[in-house]
């Protein structure tokens, strides 16, 4: 990635950049950065505040770059510095998961259900994606160990955490509590229906993703084992995005399912099937440790809203 290529513009004042089109580079204080983040329609990711730093913002048609400037370093300086890139990228998590087995690729599951990957030939650039998010995040640092540590230890986050109040769990819930939650969220929550002798474990991420895990009798909440999980991710135009993204994947298997829905997965990762329905602004991810069972479960029409 071209994180070292910058427009050289002398931006000495902490003035808010324009909220549309190409921007910067411009140096902002922490408060100025938060103000700017509130003026644009997409998130800006960072790895948290740093004492004595200014935050350089550059926007282009490709995405938004946030660079950490040490004291005395002006916006546009050409030296390599810690940089976080935020790129619009539909189905970013599914693409990252599919590519995680590519040659020379290192992948690691991270907090919030996300994944971090990098190529061993370019260890300074680590890519982060979360389920249901339409953005890919790139963490660059001239020291590979620093980039990898920041990307994998839960420090990658939006500057403005608009969904922070929704974080919750894991907790055991009843079907009635799930119905009440769906009402409060304003969008459906999907599951695989009720099952006897089962505990429904719920957790929600700061990004508004909702997960229901099916725990067999005798398994406690928070258990480390692998069990059926149904994730619901708010996503506008989820059906078109899932359909179009799957059509571009050479190894993607696409199936029509009951109620006009679509399911997409790859043979390598048949444990994870992505589902969407026309007119419903959520994408659903169904996971089961058995790659044989997950596609069959989705095709059977059992993945439905909690009612």
C-alpha atoms as a PDB file:
ATOM      1  CA  UNK A   1       0.000   0.000   0.000  1.00  0.00           C
ATOM      2  CA  UNK A   2       1.070   3.544  -0.616  1.00  0.00           C
ATOM      3  CA  UNK A   3       1.072   4.855   2.918  1.00  0.00           C
ATOM      4  CA  UNK A   4       4.434   6.531   2.374  1.00  0.00           C
ATOM      5  CA  UNK A   5       3.162   8.691  -0.479  1.00  0.00           C
ATOM      6  CA  UNK A   6       1.843  12.015   0.801  1.00  0.00           C
ATOM      7  CA  UNK A   7       0.791  15.328  -0.642  1.00  0.00           C
ATOM      8  CA  UNK A   8       3.225  17.915   0.675  1.00  0.00           C
ATOM      9  CA  UNK A   9       1.135  20.795   1.956  1.00  0.00           C
ATOM     10  CA  UNK A  10       2.259  22.971   4.865  1.00  0.00           C
ATOM     11  CA  UNK A  11      -0.682  22.846   7.294  1.00  0.00           C
ATOM     12  CA  UNK A  12       0.522  24.541  10.439  1.00  0.00           C
ATOM     13  CA  UNK A  13      -2.821  25.487  11.960  1.00  0.00           C
ATOM     14  CA  UNK A  14      -5.302  23.218  13.692  1.00  0.00           C
ATOM     15  CA  UNK A  15      -8.162  24.073  11.364  1.00  0.00           C
ATOM     16  CA  UNK A  16     -10.850  21.568  10.464  1.00  0.00           C
ATOM     17  CA  UNK A  17     -10.474  20.218   6.920  1.00  0.00           C
ATOM     18  CA  UNK A  18     -13.353  20.158   4.509  1.00  0.00           C
ATOM     19  CA  UNK A  19     -15.790  17.297   4.979  1.00  0.00           C
ATOM     20  CA  UNK A  20     -15.992  16.192   1.348  1.00  0.00           C
ATOM     21  CA  UNK A  21     -13.556  15.445  -1.467  1.00  0.00           C
ATOM     22  CA  UNK A  22      -9.787  15.232  -1.124  1.00  0.00           C
ATOM     23  CA  UNK A  23      -8.334  16.681   2.059  1.00  0.00           C
ATOM     24  CA  UNK A  24      -4.933  17.478   3.477  1.00  0.00           C
ATOM     25  CA  UNK A  25      -2.601  16.512   4.765  1.00  0.00           C
ATOM     26  CA  UNK A  26      -3.630  18.695   7.690  1.00  0.00           C
ATOM     27  CA  UNK A  27      -2.495  18.444  11.326  1.00  0.00           C
ATOM     28  CA  UNK A  28      -5.209  18.327  13.984  1.00  0.00           C
ATOM     29  CA  UNK A  29      -5.274  18.216  17.749  1.00  0.00           C
ATOM     30  CA  UNK A  30      -7.180  15.410  19.448  1.00  0.00           C
ATOM     31  CA  UNK A  31     -10.278  17.610  19.844  1.00  0.00           C
ATOM     32  CA  UNK A  32      -9.972  18.826  16.253  1.00  0.00           C
ATOM     33  CA  UNK A  33      -9.769  15.241  15.038  1.00  0.00           C
ATOM     34  CA  UNK A  34     -12.952  14.296  16.870  1.00  0.00           C
ATOM     35  CA  UNK A  35     -14.753  17.330  15.474  1.00  0.00           C
ATOM     36  CA  UNK A  36     -13.692  16.394  11.971  1.00  0.00           C
ATOM     37  CA  UNK A  37     -14.707  12.753  12.454  1.00  0.00           C
ATOM     38  CA  UNK A  38     -18.194  13.986  13.303  1.00  0.00           C
ATOM     39  CA  UNK A  39     -18.528  15.839   9.991  1.00  0.00           C
ATOM     40  CA  UNK A  40     -18.043  12.915   7.604  1.00  0.00           C
ATOM     41  CA  UNK A  41     -20.267   9.949   6.825  1.00  0.00           C
ATOM     42  CA  UNK A  42     -17.647   7.209   7.242  1.00  0.00           C
ATOM     43  CA  UNK A  43     -15.648   6.179  10.324  1.00  0.00           C
ATOM     44  CA  UNK A  44     -12.014   7.088  10.853  1.00  0.00           C
ATOM     45  CA  UNK A  45      -9.999   4.429  12.646  1.00  0.00           C
ATOM     46  CA  UNK A  46      -6.998   4.998  14.893  1.00  0.00           C
ATOM     47  CA  UNK A  47      -5.112   3.234  17.711  1.00  0.00           C
ATOM     48  CA  UNK A  48      -6.092   5.722  20.379  1.00  0.00           C
ATOM     49  CA  UNK A  49      -4.604   9.015  21.561  1.00  0.00           C
ATOM     50  CA  UNK A  50      -0.876   9.508  22.096  1.00  0.00           C
ATOM     51  CA  UNK A  51       0.623  12.127  24.398  1.00  0.00           C
ATOM     52  CA  UNK A  52       2.475  14.894  22.583  1.00  0.00           C
ATOM     53  CA  UNK A  53       1.177  13.872  19.152  1.00  0.00           C
ATOM     54  CA  UNK A  54      -0.730  15.719  16.478  1.00  0.00           C
ATOM     55  CA  UNK A  55      -2.936  13.774  14.081  1.00  0.00           C
ATOM     56  CA  UNK A  56      -2.429  14.264  10.373  1.00  0.00           C
ATOM     57  CA  UNK A  57      -5.471  13.598   8.176  1.00  0.00           C
ATOM     58  CA  UNK A  58      -5.311  12.944   4.447  1.00  0.00           C
ATOM     59  CA  UNK A  59      -8.405  11.963   2.450  1.00  0.00           C
ATOM     60  CA  UNK A  60      -8.582  10.742  -1.122  1.00  0.00           C
ATOM     61  CA  UNK A  61     -10.958   8.764  -3.292  1.00  0.00           C
ATOM     62  CA  UNK A  62      -9.387   5.623  -1.906  1.00  0.00           C
ATOM     63  CA  UNK A  63      -9.844   6.288   1.810  1.00  0.00           C
ATOM     64  CA  UNK A  64      -8.765   8.246   4.881  1.00  0.00           C
ATOM     65  CA  UNK A  65      -5.282   8.185   6.418  1.00  0.00           C
ATOM     66  CA  UNK A  66      -4.506   9.199   9.988  1.00  0.00           C
ATOM     67  CA  UNK A  67      -0.813   9.683  10.749  1.00  0.00           C
ATOM     68  CA  UNK A  68       0.700  10.253  14.197  1.00  0.00           C
ATOM     69  CA  UNK A  69       3.020  13.287  14.122  1.00  0.00           C
ATOM     70  CA  UNK A  70       5.707  13.643  16.823  1.00  0.00           C
ATOM     71  CA  UNK A  71       6.342  17.055  18.360  1.00  0.00           C
ATOM     72  CA  UNK A  72       7.912  19.397  15.830  1.00  0.00           C
ATOM     73  CA  UNK A  73       6.968  17.334  12.762  1.00  0.00           C
ATOM     74  CA  UNK A  74       4.740  19.183  10.316  1.00  0.00           C
ATOM     75  CA  UNK A  75       1.919  17.784   8.195  1.00  0.00           C
ATOM     76  CA  UNK A  76       3.274  16.526   4.902  1.00  0.00           C
ATOM     77  CA  UNK A  77       6.657  15.480   6.289  1.00  0.00           C
ATOM     78  CA  UNK A  78       7.953  12.576   4.207  1.00  0.00           C
ATOM     79  CA  UNK A  79       9.409  10.385   6.954  1.00  0.00           C
ATOM     80  CA  UNK A  80       7.684   7.033   7.677  1.00  0.00           C
ATOM     81  CA  UNK A  81       5.446   7.246  10.759  1.00  0.00           C
ATOM     82  CA  UNK A  82       2.667   5.243  12.397  1.00  0.00           C
ATOM     83  CA  UNK A  83      -0.324   5.509  10.046  1.00  0.00           C
ATOM     84  CA  UNK A  84      -3.841   4.100  10.086  1.00  0.00           C
ATOM     85  CA  UNK A  85      -5.708   3.839   6.781  1.00  0.00           C
ATOM     86  CA  UNK A  86      -9.494   3.421   6.592  1.00  0.00           C
ATOM     87  CA  UNK A  87     -10.761   2.125   3.236  1.00  0.00           C
ATOM     88  CA  UNK A  88     -14.362   1.577   2.075  1.00  0.00           C
ATOM     89  CA  UNK A  89     -14.447  -2.150   1.317  1.00  0.00           C
ATOM     90  CA  UNK A  90     -17.689  -4.106   1.068  1.00  0.00           C
ATOM     91  CA  UNK A  91     -17.613  -7.491   2.805  1.00  0.00           C
ATOM     92  CA  UNK A  92     -14.145  -6.682   4.097  1.00  0.00           C
ATOM     93  CA  UNK A  93     -14.208  -9.452   6.691  1.00  0.00           C
ATOM     94  CA  UNK A  94     -15.287 -12.175   4.255  1.00  0.00           C
ATOM     95  CA  UNK A  95     -12.591 -11.127   1.783  1.00  0.00           C
ATOM     96  CA  UNK A  96      -9.937 -11.093   4.520  1.00  0.00           C
ATOM     97  CA  UNK A  97     -11.037 -14.487   5.784  1.00  0.00           C
ATOM     98  CA  UNK A  98     -10.913 -15.957   2.289  1.00  0.00           C
ATOM     99  CA  UNK A  99      -7.461 -14.531   1.636  1.00  0.00           C
ATOM    100  CA  UNK A 100      -6.008 -15.490   5.009  1.00  0.00           C
ATOM    101  CA  UNK A 101      -4.758 -18.843   3.645  1.00  0.00           C
ATOM    102  CA  UNK A 102      -2.925 -17.276   0.706  1.00  0.00           C
ATOM    103  CA  UNK A 103       0.815 -17.948   0.390  1.00  0.00           C
ATOM    104  CA  UNK A 104       3.034 -15.848   2.681  1.00  0.00           C
ATOM    105  CA  UNK A 105      -0.023 -14.630   4.636  1.00  0.00           C
ATOM    106  CA  UNK A 106      -0.192 -14.575   8.437  1.00  0.00           C
ATOM    107  CA  UNK A 107      -3.663 -14.302   9.991  1.00  0.00           C
ATOM    108  CA  UNK A 108      -4.863 -13.918  13.571  1.00  0.00           C
ATOM    109  CA  UNK A 109      -8.346 -13.690  15.070  1.00  0.00           C
ATOM    110  CA  UNK A 110      -8.715 -10.557  17.194  1.00  0.00           C
ATOM    111  CA  UNK A 111     -11.211  -9.031  19.612  1.00  0.00           C
ATOM    112  CA  UNK A 112     -14.693  -8.108  18.414  1.00  0.00           C
ATOM    113  CA  UNK A 113     -14.767 -11.119  16.110  1.00  0.00           C
ATOM    114  CA  UNK A 114     -12.294  -9.485  13.723  1.00  0.00           C
ATOM    115  CA  UNK A 115      -9.267 -10.724  11.828  1.00  0.00           C
ATOM    116  CA  UNK A 116      -5.802  -9.244  11.252  1.00  0.00           C
ATOM    117  CA  UNK A 117      -3.630 -10.308   8.317  1.00  0.00           C
ATOM    118  CA  UNK A 118      -0.316  -9.374   6.773  1.00  0.00           C
ATOM    119  CA  UNK A 119       2.016 -10.636   4.085  1.00  0.00           C
ATOM    120  CA  UNK A 120       5.399 -11.805   5.328  1.00  0.00           C
ATOM    121  CA  UNK A 121       6.994  -9.846   2.480  1.00  0.00           C
ATOM    122  CA  UNK A 122       5.408  -6.636   3.831  1.00  0.00           C
ATOM    123  CA  UNK A 123       5.245  -7.125   7.618  1.00  0.00           C
ATOM    124  CA  UNK A 124       4.976  -3.390   8.313  1.00  0.00           C
ATOM    125  CA  UNK A 125       1.428  -3.314   6.861  1.00  0.00           C
ATOM    126  CA  UNK A 126      -1.268  -5.184   8.786  1.00  0.00           C
ATOM    127  CA  UNK A 127      -4.895  -5.299   7.608  1.00  0.00           C
ATOM    128  CA  UNK A 128      -7.836  -5.486  10.002  1.00  0.00           C
ATOM    129  CA  UNK A 129     -11.486  -6.269   9.239  1.00  0.00           C
ATOM    130  CA  UNK A 130     -14.591  -6.921  11.328  1.00  0.00           C
ATOM    131  CA  UNK A 131     -17.746  -8.899  10.512  1.00  0.00           C
ATOM    132  CA  UNK A 132     -20.465  -6.753   8.964  1.00  0.00           C
ATOM    133  CA  UNK A 133     -18.186  -3.772   8.434  1.00  0.00           C
ATOM    134  CA  UNK A 134     -17.871  -2.126   5.034  1.00  0.00           C
ATOM    135  CA  UNK A 135     -14.357  -0.889   5.829  1.00  0.00           C
ATOM    136  CA  UNK A 136     -10.866  -2.355   5.817  1.00  0.00           C
ATOM    137  CA  UNK A 137      -8.290  -0.851   8.186  1.00  0.00           C
ATOM    138  CA  UNK A 138      -4.557  -0.806   7.498  1.00  0.00           C
ATOM    139  CA  UNK A 139      -2.062  -0.370  10.330  1.00  0.00           C
ATOM    140  CA  UNK A 140       1.383   0.729   9.173  1.00  0.00           C
ATOM    141  CA  UNK A 141       4.484   1.282  11.269  1.00  0.00           C
ATOM    142  CA  UNK A 142       8.115   1.225  10.078  1.00  0.00           C
ATOM    143  CA  UNK A 143       8.729  -1.342  12.837  1.00  0.00           C
ATOM    144  CA  UNK A 144       6.859  -4.560  11.920  1.00  0.00           C
ATOM    145  CA  UNK A 145       6.507  -5.683  15.548  1.00  0.00           C
ATOM    146  CA  UNK A 146       4.760  -2.417  16.445  1.00  0.00           C
ATOM    147  CA  UNK A 147       2.291  -2.623  13.545  1.00  0.00           C
ATOM    148  CA  UNK A 148       1.449  -6.246  14.376  1.00  0.00           C
ATOM    149  CA  UNK A 149       1.033  -5.564  18.097  1.00  0.00           C
ATOM    150  CA  UNK A 150      -1.281  -2.605  17.557  1.00  0.00           C
ATOM    151  CA  UNK A 151      -3.408  -4.491  15.018  1.00  0.00           C
ATOM    152  CA  UNK A 152      -3.873  -7.646  17.085  1.00  0.00           C
ATOM    153  CA  UNK A 153      -4.357  -6.344  20.632  1.00  0.00           C
ATOM    154  CA  UNK A 154      -7.668  -4.550  20.284  1.00  0.00           C
ATOM    155  CA  UNK A 155      -6.323  -1.025  19.860  1.00  0.00           C
ATOM    156  CA  UNK A 156      -7.782  -0.456  16.385  1.00  0.00           C
ATOM    157  CA  UNK A 157     -11.042   1.437  16.908  1.00  0.00           C
ATOM    158  CA  UNK A 158     -13.123   4.286  15.460  1.00  0.00           C
ATOM    159  CA  UNK A 159     -12.254   7.793  16.625  1.00  0.00           C
ATOM    160  CA  UNK A 160     -15.946   8.203  17.429  1.00  0.00           C
ATOM    161  CA  UNK A 161     -17.529   5.130  19.018  1.00  0.00           C
ATOM    162  CA  UNK A 162     -21.126   5.794  18.009  1.00  0.00           C
ATOM    163  CA  UNK A 163     -22.359   2.328  18.973  1.00  0.00           C
ATOM    164  CA  UNK A 164     -20.416   1.984  22.218  1.00  0.00           C
ATOM    165  CA  UNK A 165     -23.558   1.800  24.365  1.00  0.00           C
ATOM    166  CA  UNK A 166     -24.586  -1.416  22.615  1.00  0.00           C
ATOM    167  CA  UNK A 167     -21.591  -3.445  23.866  1.00  0.00           C
ATOM    168  CA  UNK A 168     -22.771  -6.303  26.047  1.00  0.00           C
ATOM    169  CA  UNK A 169     -22.100  -9.868  27.081  1.00  0.00           C
ATOM    170  CA  UNK A 170     -21.575 -12.669  26.952  1.00  0.00           C
ATOM    171  CA  UNK A 171     -24.812 -13.296  28.866  1.00  0.00           C
ATOM    172  CA  UNK A 172     -27.517 -15.962  28.834  1.00  0.00           C
ATOM    173  CA  UNK A 173     -30.826 -14.678  27.441  1.00  0.00           C
ATOM    174  CA  UNK A 174     -34.303 -15.977  26.781  1.00  0.00           C
ATOM    175  CA  UNK A 175     -36.147 -15.787  23.441  1.00  0.00           C
ATOM    176  CA  UNK A 176     -38.343 -13.069  24.968  1.00  0.00           C
ATOM    177  CA  UNK A 177     -35.276 -10.997  25.826  1.00  0.00           C
ATOM    178  CA  UNK A 178     -33.986 -11.425  22.280  1.00  0.00           C
ATOM    179  CA  UNK A 179     -37.291 -10.190  20.874  1.00  0.00           C
ATOM    180  CA  UNK A 180     -37.162  -7.163  23.160  1.00  0.00           C
ATOM    181  CA  UNK A 181     -33.579  -6.436  22.093  1.00  0.00           C
ATOM    182  CA  UNK A 182     -34.490  -6.590  18.399  1.00  0.00           C
ATOM    183  CA  UNK A 183     -37.232  -4.034  19.010  1.00  0.00           C
ATOM    184  CA  UNK A 184     -34.843  -1.676  20.779  1.00  0.00           C
ATOM    185  CA  UNK A 185     -32.218  -1.962  18.029  1.00  0.00           C
ATOM    186  CA  UNK A 186     -34.676  -1.191  15.257  1.00  0.00           C
ATOM    187  CA  UNK A 187     -33.551  -4.095  13.071  1.00  0.00           C
ATOM    188  CA  UNK A 188     -34.114  -7.863  13.194  1.00  0.00           C
ATOM    189  CA  UNK A 189     -31.842 -10.268  15.023  1.00  0.00           C
ATOM    190  CA  UNK A 190     -31.432 -13.621  13.294  1.00  0.00           C
ATOM    191  CA  UNK A 191     -31.038 -17.036  14.858  1.00  0.00           C
ATOM    192  CA  UNK A 192     -31.499 -20.734  14.045  1.00  0.00           C
ATOM    193  CA  UNK A 193     -34.723 -21.053  16.018  1.00  0.00           C
ATOM    194  CA  UNK A 194     -35.336 -22.449  19.473  1.00  0.00           C
ATOM    195  CA  UNK A 195     -33.743 -25.727  20.549  1.00  0.00           C
ATOM    196  CA  UNK A 196     -34.391 -27.912  23.580  1.00  0.00           C
ATOM    197  CA  UNK A 197     -31.842 -28.089  26.404  1.00  0.00           C
ATOM    198  CA  UNK A 198     -29.946 -25.148  24.954  1.00  0.00           C
ATOM    199  CA  UNK A 199     -28.623 -21.920  26.466  1.00  0.00           C
ATOM    200  CA  UNK A 200     -28.706 -18.881  24.185  1.00  0.00           C
ATOM    201  CA  UNK A 201     -25.557 -16.869  24.767  1.00  0.00           C
ATOM    202  CA  UNK A 202     -25.712 -13.254  23.581  1.00  0.00           C
ATOM    203  CA  UNK A 203     -22.947 -10.779  23.044  1.00  0.00           C
ATOM    204  CA  UNK A 204     -22.783  -7.462  21.215  1.00  0.00           C
ATOM    205  CA  UNK A 205     -19.741  -5.545  20.019  1.00  0.00           C
ATOM    206  CA  UNK A 206     -19.145  -1.782  20.179  1.00  0.00           C
ATOM    207  CA  UNK A 207     -19.825  -1.746  16.424  1.00  0.00           C
ATOM    208  CA  UNK A 208     -23.401  -2.954  16.894  1.00  0.00           C
ATOM    209  CA  UNK A 209     -22.889  -6.576  15.810  1.00  0.00           C
ATOM    210  CA  UNK A 210     -25.074  -9.102  17.612  1.00  0.00           C
ATOM    211  CA  UNK A 211     -24.143 -12.753  18.134  1.00  0.00           C
ATOM    212  CA  UNK A 212     -26.248 -15.649  19.425  1.00  0.00           C
ATOM    213  CA  UNK A 213     -24.330 -18.777  20.381  1.00  0.00           C
ATOM    214  CA  UNK A 214     -26.050 -22.105  21.010  1.00  0.00           C
ATOM    215  CA  UNK A 215     -24.616 -23.781  24.105  1.00  0.00           C
ATOM    216  CA  UNK A 216     -25.512 -27.438  24.743  1.00  0.00           C
ATOM    217  CA  UNK A 217     -26.784 -28.562  28.145  1.00  0.00           C
ATOM    218  CA  UNK A 218     -24.052 -28.363  30.764  1.00  0.00           C
ATOM    219  CA  UNK A 219     -21.901 -25.811  28.884  1.00  0.00           C
ATOM    220  CA  UNK A 220     -21.517 -22.507  30.709  1.00  0.00           C
ATOM    221  CA  UNK A 221     -21.631 -18.995  29.292  1.00  0.00           C
ATOM    222  CA  UNK A 222     -18.188 -17.914  28.138  1.00  0.00           C
ATOM    223  CA  UNK A 223     -17.015 -21.466  27.439  1.00  0.00           C
ATOM    224  CA  UNK A 224     -14.089 -21.594  24.995  1.00  0.00           C
ATOM    225  CA  UNK A 225     -15.571 -24.392  22.882  1.00  0.00           C
ATOM    226  CA  UNK A 226     -16.794 -24.048  19.298  1.00  0.00           C
ATOM    227  CA  UNK A 227     -20.565 -24.124  18.852  1.00  0.00           C
ATOM    228  CA  UNK A 228     -23.198 -22.851  16.441  1.00  0.00           C
ATOM    229  CA  UNK A 229     -23.186 -19.041  16.215  1.00  0.00           C
ATOM    230  CA  UNK A 230     -25.490 -16.728  14.275  1.00  0.00           C
ATOM    231  CA  UNK A 231     -24.224 -13.165  13.855  1.00  0.00           C
ATOM    232  CA  UNK A 232     -26.350 -10.213  12.719  1.00  0.00           C
ATOM    233  CA  UNK A 233     -24.547  -7.235  11.175  1.00  0.00           C
ATOM    234  CA  UNK A 234     -26.365  -3.973  10.327  1.00  0.00           C
ATOM    235  CA  UNK A 235     -25.610  -3.219   6.666  1.00  0.00           C
ATOM    236  CA  UNK A 236     -27.487  -1.087   4.158  1.00  0.00           C
ATOM    237  CA  UNK A 237     -28.273  -2.875   0.890  1.00  0.00           C
ATOM    238  CA  UNK A 238     -27.013  -6.104   2.439  1.00  0.00           C
ATOM    239  CA  UNK A 239     -28.653  -8.304  -0.194  1.00  0.00           C
ATOM    240  CA  UNK A 240     -27.080  -6.494  -3.159  1.00  0.00           C
ATOM    241  CA  UNK A 241     -23.699  -6.284  -1.432  1.00  0.00           C
ATOM    242  CA  UNK A 242     -23.669  -9.996  -0.598  1.00  0.00           C
ATOM    243  CA  UNK A 243     -24.836 -10.953  -4.081  1.00  0.00           C
ATOM    244  CA  UNK A 244     -22.405  -8.687  -5.925  1.00  0.00           C
ATOM    245  CA  UNK A 245     -19.419  -9.519  -3.718  1.00  0.00           C
ATOM    246  CA  UNK A 246     -19.998 -13.243  -4.066  1.00  0.00           C
ATOM    247  CA  UNK A 247     -20.259 -12.900  -7.851  1.00  0.00           C
ATOM    248  CA  UNK A 248     -16.738 -11.438  -7.923  1.00  0.00           C
ATOM    249  CA  UNK A 249     -15.203 -14.281  -5.922  1.00  0.00           C
ATOM    250  CA  UNK A 250     -13.840 -16.981  -8.219  1.00  0.00           C
ATOM    251  CA  UNK A 251     -14.105 -19.641  -5.515  1.00  0.00           C
ATOM    252  CA  UNK A 252     -17.338 -18.457  -3.949  1.00  0.00           C
ATOM    253  CA  UNK A 253     -20.358 -20.751  -3.872  1.00  0.00           C
ATOM    254  CA  UNK A 254     -23.680 -18.922  -4.051  1.00  0.00           C
ATOM    255  CA  UNK A 255     -27.060 -20.461  -3.294  1.00  0.00           C
ATOM    256  CA  UNK A 256     -30.610 -19.159  -3.320  1.00  0.00           C
ATOM    257  CA  UNK A 257     -32.392 -19.993  -0.074  1.00  0.00           C
ATOM    258  CA  UNK A 258     -36.012 -19.773   1.197  1.00  0.00           C
ATOM    259  CA  UNK A 259     -37.744 -16.365   1.390  1.00  0.00           C
ATOM    260  CA  UNK A 260     -35.762 -15.076  -1.589  1.00  0.00           C
ATOM    261  CA  UNK A 261     -32.478 -14.979   0.305  1.00  0.00           C
ATOM    262  CA  UNK A 262     -28.955 -15.588  -0.857  1.00  0.00           C
ATOM    263  CA  UNK A 263     -26.162 -17.535   0.835  1.00  0.00           C
ATOM    264  CA  UNK A 264     -22.471 -17.306  -0.031  1.00  0.00           C
ATOM    265  CA  UNK A 265     -19.392 -19.162   1.178  1.00  0.00           C
ATOM    266  CA  UNK A 266     -16.145 -20.665  -0.032  1.00  0.00           C
ATOM    267  CA  UNK A 267     -15.206 -24.334   0.074  1.00  0.00           C
ATOM    268  CA  UNK A 268     -12.204 -23.528   2.250  1.00  0.00           C
ATOM    269  CA  UNK A 269     -14.411 -21.770   4.805  1.00  0.00           C
ATOM    270  CA  UNK A 270     -17.713 -23.613   4.549  1.00  0.00           C
ATOM    271  CA  UNK A 271     -17.978 -23.314   8.321  1.00  0.00           C
ATOM    272  CA  UNK A 272     -18.890 -19.635   7.736  1.00  0.00           C
ATOM    273  CA  UNK A 273     -21.856 -18.880   5.460  1.00  0.00           C
ATOM    274  CA  UNK A 274     -23.011 -15.315   4.748  1.00  0.00           C
ATOM    275  CA  UNK A 275     -26.723 -14.729   4.273  1.00  0.00           C
ATOM    276  CA  UNK A 276     -28.875 -11.780   3.201  1.00  0.00           C
ATOM    277  CA  UNK A 277     -32.518 -11.226   2.300  1.00  0.00           C
ATOM    278  CA  UNK A 278     -34.104  -8.668  -0.072  1.00  0.00           C
ATOM    279  CA  UNK A 279     -35.149  -5.468   1.647  1.00  0.00           C
ATOM    280  CA  UNK A 280     -33.494  -6.343   4.973  1.00  0.00           C
ATOM    281  CA  UNK A 281     -30.581  -4.101   5.966  1.00  0.00           C
ATOM    282  CA  UNK A 282     -28.592  -6.718   7.846  1.00  0.00           C
ATOM    283  CA  UNK A 283     -26.132  -9.385   6.784  1.00  0.00           C
ATOM    284  CA  UNK A 284     -26.121 -12.667   8.679  1.00  0.00           C
ATOM    285  CA  UNK A 285     -23.143 -14.909   9.305  1.00  0.00           C
ATOM    286  CA  UNK A 286     -23.812 -18.509  10.296  1.00  0.00           C
ATOM    287  CA  UNK A 287     -20.951 -20.480  11.817  1.00  0.00           C
ATOM    288  CA  UNK A 288     -20.813 -24.121  12.832  1.00  0.00           C
ATOM    289  CA  UNK A 289     -17.620 -26.064  13.514  1.00  0.00           C
ATOM    290  CA  UNK A 290     -18.818 -28.631  10.978  1.00  0.00           C
ATOM    291  CA  UNK A 291     -18.257 -27.424   7.402  1.00  0.00           C
ATOM    292  CA  UNK A 292     -20.764 -30.046   6.302  1.00  0.00           C
ATOM    293  CA  UNK A 293     -23.608 -28.824   8.519  1.00  0.00           C
ATOM    294  CA  UNK A 294     -23.423 -25.041   8.067  1.00  0.00           C
ATOM    295  CA  UNK A 295     -24.498 -24.876   4.369  1.00  0.00           C
ATOM    296  CA  UNK A 296     -27.262 -27.424   5.030  1.00  0.00           C
ATOM    297  CA  UNK A 297     -28.581 -25.434   7.989  1.00  0.00           C
ATOM    298  CA  UNK A 298     -28.759 -22.262   5.904  1.00  0.00           C
ATOM    299  CA  UNK A 299     -30.365 -24.042   2.918  1.00  0.00           C
ATOM    300  CA  UNK A 300     -33.039 -25.538   5.174  1.00  0.00           C
ATOM    301  CA  UNK A 301     -34.564 -22.123   5.866  1.00  0.00           C
ATOM    302  CA  UNK A 302     -33.950 -22.288   9.606  1.00  0.00           C
ATOM    303  CA  UNK A 303     -32.088 -18.963   9.770  1.00  0.00           C
ATOM    304  CA  UNK A 304     -34.924 -16.574  10.630  1.00  0.00           C
ATOM    305  CA  UNK A 305     -35.564 -13.399  12.649  1.00  0.00           C
ATOM    306  CA  UNK A 306     -36.289 -13.811  16.334  1.00  0.00           C
ATOM    307  CA  UNK A 307     -40.060 -13.386  16.684  1.00  0.00           C
END
